[in-house]
């Protein structure tokens, strides 16, 4: 009998072991953000979709003369750096009314686009405003 009792205690300890290890996990929830990539051709769009490796990607046609496609890509925050010379900016909102407010407040010349994403976010994609030329306070 003592061997059966010892086996039962060992089985209970073995069964309880994995649950303790899972509780001790210092898990950090992953947050996501959307980035916009400008593409001139459909081949560029295809390449971005292929390189997404399972990430959510949304191609959007544009009327821009600079680029004909925008590719929206959902990435884990901190996993990529957006190029500082990117012509586009993406603002994500949890509520549709916040996205609509941003969309209506954005200058029409920046060609804003309003879209709801598969993850429930409302996205506003727009061109980055051109920098205004600096003027000197005193002419020489």
C-alpha atoms as a PDB file:
ATOM      1  CA  UNK A   1       0.000   0.000   0.000  1.00  0.00           C
ATOM      2  CA  UNK A   2       2.715   2.570   0.710  1.00  0.00           C
ATOM      3  CA  UNK A   3       3.883   2.342  -2.915  1.00  0.00           C
ATOM      4  CA  UNK A   4       0.370   3.095  -4.194  1.00  0.00           C
ATOM      5  CA  UNK A   5       0.100   6.135  -1.886  1.00  0.00           C
ATOM      6  CA  UNK A   6       3.523   7.368  -2.973  1.00  0.00           C
ATOM      7  CA  UNK A   7       2.546   6.918  -6.626  1.00  0.00           C
ATOM      8  CA  UNK A   8      -0.694   8.860  -6.068  1.00  0.00           C
ATOM      9  CA  UNK A   9       1.165  11.773  -4.435  1.00  0.00           C
ATOM     10  CA  UNK A  10       3.755  11.798  -7.247  1.00  0.00           C
ATOM     11  CA  UNK A  11       0.954  11.819  -9.838  1.00  0.00           C
ATOM     12  CA  UNK A  12      -0.759  14.767  -8.110  1.00  0.00           C
ATOM     13  CA  UNK A  13       2.493  16.741  -7.951  1.00  0.00           C
ATOM     14  CA  UNK A  14       3.220  15.982 -11.597  1.00  0.00           C
ATOM     15  CA  UNK A  15      -0.266  17.091 -12.654  1.00  0.00           C
ATOM     16  CA  UNK A  16      -0.043  20.309 -10.625  1.00  0.00           C
ATOM     17  CA  UNK A  17       3.411  21.222 -11.956  1.00  0.00           C
ATOM     18  CA  UNK A  18       2.480  22.636 -15.396  1.00  0.00           C
ATOM     19  CA  UNK A  19      -0.298  24.846 -14.024  1.00  0.00           C
ATOM     20  CA  UNK A  20       2.131  26.538 -11.648  1.00  0.00           C
ATOM     21  CA  UNK A  21       4.585  27.132 -14.461  1.00  0.00           C
ATOM     22  CA  UNK A  22       1.859  28.712 -16.580  1.00  0.00           C
ATOM     23  CA  UNK A  23       0.812  31.013 -13.740  1.00  0.00           C
ATOM     24  CA  UNK A  24       4.397  32.178 -13.256  1.00  0.00           C
ATOM     25  CA  UNK A  25       4.612  33.310 -16.894  1.00  0.00           C
ATOM     26  CA  UNK A  26       5.532  37.004 -17.105  1.00  0.00           C
ATOM     27  CA  UNK A  27       3.335  37.373 -20.176  1.00  0.00           C
ATOM     28  CA  UNK A  28       2.991  40.807 -21.709  1.00  0.00           C
ATOM     29  CA  UNK A  29      -0.015  41.440 -23.960  1.00  0.00           C
ATOM     30  CA  UNK A  30       1.021  42.290 -27.480  1.00  0.00           C
ATOM     31  CA  UNK A  31      -0.249  45.586 -28.833  1.00  0.00           C
ATOM     32  CA  UNK A  32      -0.541  46.238 -32.536  1.00  0.00           C
ATOM     33  CA  UNK A  33      -0.323  49.259 -34.785  1.00  0.00           C
ATOM     34  CA  UNK A  34      -1.015  49.896 -38.426  1.00  0.00           C
ATOM     35  CA  UNK A  35       1.582  51.222 -40.865  1.00  0.00           C
ATOM     36  CA  UNK A  36       1.036  52.458 -44.420  1.00  0.00           C
ATOM     37  CA  UNK A  37       3.373  51.735 -47.300  1.00  0.00           C
ATOM     38  CA  UNK A  38       3.185  53.612 -50.596  1.00  0.00           C
ATOM     39  CA  UNK A  39       3.408  51.455 -53.741  1.00  0.00           C
ATOM     40  CA  UNK A  40       3.761  52.600 -57.343  1.00  0.00           C
ATOM     41  CA  UNK A  41       2.830  49.293 -59.003  1.00  0.00           C
ATOM     42  CA  UNK A  42       0.745  46.218 -58.379  1.00  0.00           C
ATOM     43  CA  UNK A  43       3.965  44.168 -58.221  1.00  0.00           C
ATOM     44  CA  UNK A  44       4.980  46.227 -55.173  1.00  0.00           C
ATOM     45  CA  UNK A  45       1.627  45.382 -53.550  1.00  0.00           C
ATOM     46  CA  UNK A  46       2.113  41.678 -54.302  1.00  0.00           C
ATOM     47  CA  UNK A  47       5.589  41.785 -52.777  1.00  0.00           C
ATOM     48  CA  UNK A  48       4.325  43.432 -49.578  1.00  0.00           C
ATOM     49  CA  UNK A  49       1.544  40.838 -49.267  1.00  0.00           C
ATOM     50  CA  UNK A  50       4.049  38.013 -49.765  1.00  0.00           C
ATOM     51  CA  UNK A  51       6.440  39.509 -47.205  1.00  0.00           C
ATOM     52  CA  UNK A  52       3.649  39.965 -44.641  1.00  0.00           C
ATOM     53  CA  UNK A  53       4.106  36.341 -43.566  1.00  0.00           C
ATOM     54  CA  UNK A  54       0.548  35.943 -42.318  1.00  0.00           C
ATOM     55  CA  UNK A  55       0.109  39.470 -40.956  1.00  0.00           C
ATOM     56  CA  UNK A  56      -3.067  41.344 -41.848  1.00  0.00           C
ATOM     57  CA  UNK A  57      -2.527  43.382 -45.019  1.00  0.00           C
ATOM     58  CA  UNK A  58      -5.033  45.658 -46.789  1.00  0.00           C
ATOM     59  CA  UNK A  59      -4.219  47.067 -50.250  1.00  0.00           C
ATOM     60  CA  UNK A  60      -6.073  50.292 -51.121  1.00  0.00           C
ATOM     61  CA  UNK A  61      -6.059  51.973 -54.555  1.00  0.00           C
ATOM     62  CA  UNK A  62      -5.518  55.737 -54.644  1.00  0.00           C
ATOM     63  CA  UNK A  63      -5.950  58.636 -57.054  1.00  0.00           C
ATOM     64  CA  UNK A  64      -2.492  59.969 -56.249  1.00  0.00           C
ATOM     65  CA  UNK A  65      -0.069  60.697 -59.067  1.00  0.00           C
ATOM     66  CA  UNK A  66       2.873  59.832 -56.786  1.00  0.00           C
ATOM     67  CA  UNK A  67       1.776  56.301 -55.911  1.00  0.00           C
ATOM     68  CA  UNK A  68      -1.181  54.252 -57.059  1.00  0.00           C
ATOM     69  CA  UNK A  69      -1.543  51.953 -54.037  1.00  0.00           C
ATOM     70  CA  UNK A  70      -1.405  52.121 -50.265  1.00  0.00           C
ATOM     71  CA  UNK A  71      -0.682  48.915 -48.395  1.00  0.00           C
ATOM     72  CA  UNK A  72      -1.860  48.907 -44.782  1.00  0.00           C
ATOM     73  CA  UNK A  73      -0.053  46.367 -42.621  1.00  0.00           C
ATOM     74  CA  UNK A  74      -0.847  45.400 -39.018  1.00  0.00           C
ATOM     75  CA  UNK A  75       2.351  44.802 -37.048  1.00  0.00           C
ATOM     76  CA  UNK A  76       3.263  44.209 -33.430  1.00  0.00           C
ATOM     77  CA  UNK A  77       4.189  47.519 -31.822  1.00  0.00           C
ATOM     78  CA  UNK A  78       7.938  47.904 -31.595  1.00  0.00           C
ATOM     79  CA  UNK A  79       8.695  45.215 -34.190  1.00  0.00           C
ATOM     80  CA  UNK A  80       9.398  47.636 -37.031  1.00  0.00           C
ATOM     81  CA  UNK A  81      10.403  51.215 -37.598  1.00  0.00           C
ATOM     82  CA  UNK A  82       8.476  53.418 -40.010  1.00  0.00           C
ATOM     83  CA  UNK A  83      10.757  55.190 -42.444  1.00  0.00           C
ATOM     84  CA  UNK A  84      11.062  58.894 -41.556  1.00  0.00           C
ATOM     85  CA  UNK A  85      10.599  59.813 -45.235  1.00  0.00           C
ATOM     86  CA  UNK A  86       7.326  57.887 -45.539  1.00  0.00           C
ATOM     87  CA  UNK A  87       4.715  60.054 -47.269  1.00  0.00           C
ATOM     88  CA  UNK A  88       1.827  58.590 -45.231  1.00  0.00           C
ATOM     89  CA  UNK A  89       0.657  58.550 -41.640  1.00  0.00           C
ATOM     90  CA  UNK A  90      -1.911  56.208 -40.065  1.00  0.00           C
ATOM     91  CA  UNK A  91      -4.028  57.139 -37.056  1.00  0.00           C
ATOM     92  CA  UNK A  92      -5.956  54.310 -35.390  1.00  0.00           C
ATOM     93  CA  UNK A  93      -9.067  54.785 -33.249  1.00  0.00           C
ATOM     94  CA  UNK A  94     -11.115  52.375 -31.152  1.00  0.00           C
ATOM     95  CA  UNK A  95     -14.368  54.246 -31.811  1.00  0.00           C
ATOM     96  CA  UNK A  96     -15.791  55.061 -35.238  1.00  0.00           C
ATOM     97  CA  UNK A  97     -16.873  58.544 -34.139  1.00  0.00           C
ATOM     98  CA  UNK A  98     -13.268  59.421 -33.213  1.00  0.00           C
ATOM     99  CA  UNK A  99     -12.062  58.265 -36.637  1.00  0.00           C
ATOM    100  CA  UNK A 100     -14.778  60.244 -38.406  1.00  0.00           C
ATOM    101  CA  UNK A 101     -13.883  63.345 -36.384  1.00  0.00           C
ATOM    102  CA  UNK A 102     -10.209  63.026 -37.390  1.00  0.00           C
ATOM    103  CA  UNK A 103     -11.176  62.340 -41.017  1.00  0.00           C
ATOM    104  CA  UNK A 104     -13.398  65.432 -41.271  1.00  0.00           C
ATOM    105  CA  UNK A 105     -10.776  67.611 -39.556  1.00  0.00           C
ATOM    106  CA  UNK A 106      -7.992  66.502 -41.937  1.00  0.00           C
ATOM    107  CA  UNK A 107      -7.244  68.889 -44.801  1.00  0.00           C
ATOM    108  CA  UNK A 108      -8.689  67.600 -48.092  1.00  0.00           C
ATOM    109  CA  UNK A 109      -5.368  68.253 -49.857  1.00  0.00           C
ATOM    110  CA  UNK A 110      -3.760  65.541 -47.693  1.00  0.00           C
ATOM    111  CA  UNK A 111      -6.084  63.006 -49.385  1.00  0.00           C
ATOM    112  CA  UNK A 112      -7.389  61.306 -46.224  1.00  0.00           C
ATOM    113  CA  UNK A 113      -8.885  57.809 -46.381  1.00  0.00           C
ATOM    114  CA  UNK A 114     -11.228  56.399 -43.721  1.00  0.00           C
ATOM    115  CA  UNK A 115     -11.378  52.614 -43.329  1.00  0.00           C
ATOM    116  CA  UNK A 116     -12.501  50.128 -40.712  1.00  0.00           C
ATOM    117  CA  UNK A 117      -9.973  47.355 -40.201  1.00  0.00           C
ATOM    118  CA  UNK A 118     -10.647  43.669 -39.498  1.00  0.00           C
ATOM    119  CA  UNK A 119      -9.434  44.091 -35.904  1.00  0.00           C
ATOM    120  CA  UNK A 120     -12.212  46.630 -35.195  1.00  0.00           C
ATOM    121  CA  UNK A 121     -10.053  49.755 -35.398  1.00  0.00           C
ATOM    122  CA  UNK A 122     -11.063  52.779 -37.439  1.00  0.00           C
ATOM    123  CA  UNK A 123      -8.082  53.975 -39.456  1.00  0.00           C
ATOM    124  CA  UNK A 124      -7.443  57.359 -41.029  1.00  0.00           C
ATOM    125  CA  UNK A 125      -4.640  57.325 -43.595  1.00  0.00           C
ATOM    126  CA  UNK A 126      -3.398  60.649 -44.946  1.00  0.00           C
ATOM    127  CA  UNK A 127      -0.381  62.217 -46.559  1.00  0.00           C
ATOM    128  CA  UNK A 128       2.028  63.958 -44.267  1.00  0.00           C
ATOM    129  CA  UNK A 129       1.586  67.720 -44.435  1.00  0.00           C
ATOM    130  CA  UNK A 130       4.443  69.394 -46.310  1.00  0.00           C
ATOM    131  CA  UNK A 131       6.701  71.542 -44.219  1.00  0.00           C
ATOM    132  CA  UNK A 132       6.142  75.244 -44.618  1.00  0.00           C
ATOM    133  CA  UNK A 133       9.204  77.152 -45.781  1.00  0.00           C
ATOM    134  CA  UNK A 134      10.929  79.089 -43.062  1.00  0.00           C
ATOM    135  CA  UNK A 135      11.202  82.818 -43.397  1.00  0.00           C
ATOM    136  CA  UNK A 136      13.710  85.061 -41.739  1.00  0.00           C
ATOM    137  CA  UNK A 137      12.513  87.607 -39.246  1.00  0.00           C
ATOM    138  CA  UNK A 138      15.021  90.167 -40.513  1.00  0.00           C
ATOM    139  CA  UNK A 139      16.102  90.403 -44.158  1.00  0.00           C
ATOM    140  CA  UNK A 140      19.743  90.957 -45.021  1.00  0.00           C
END
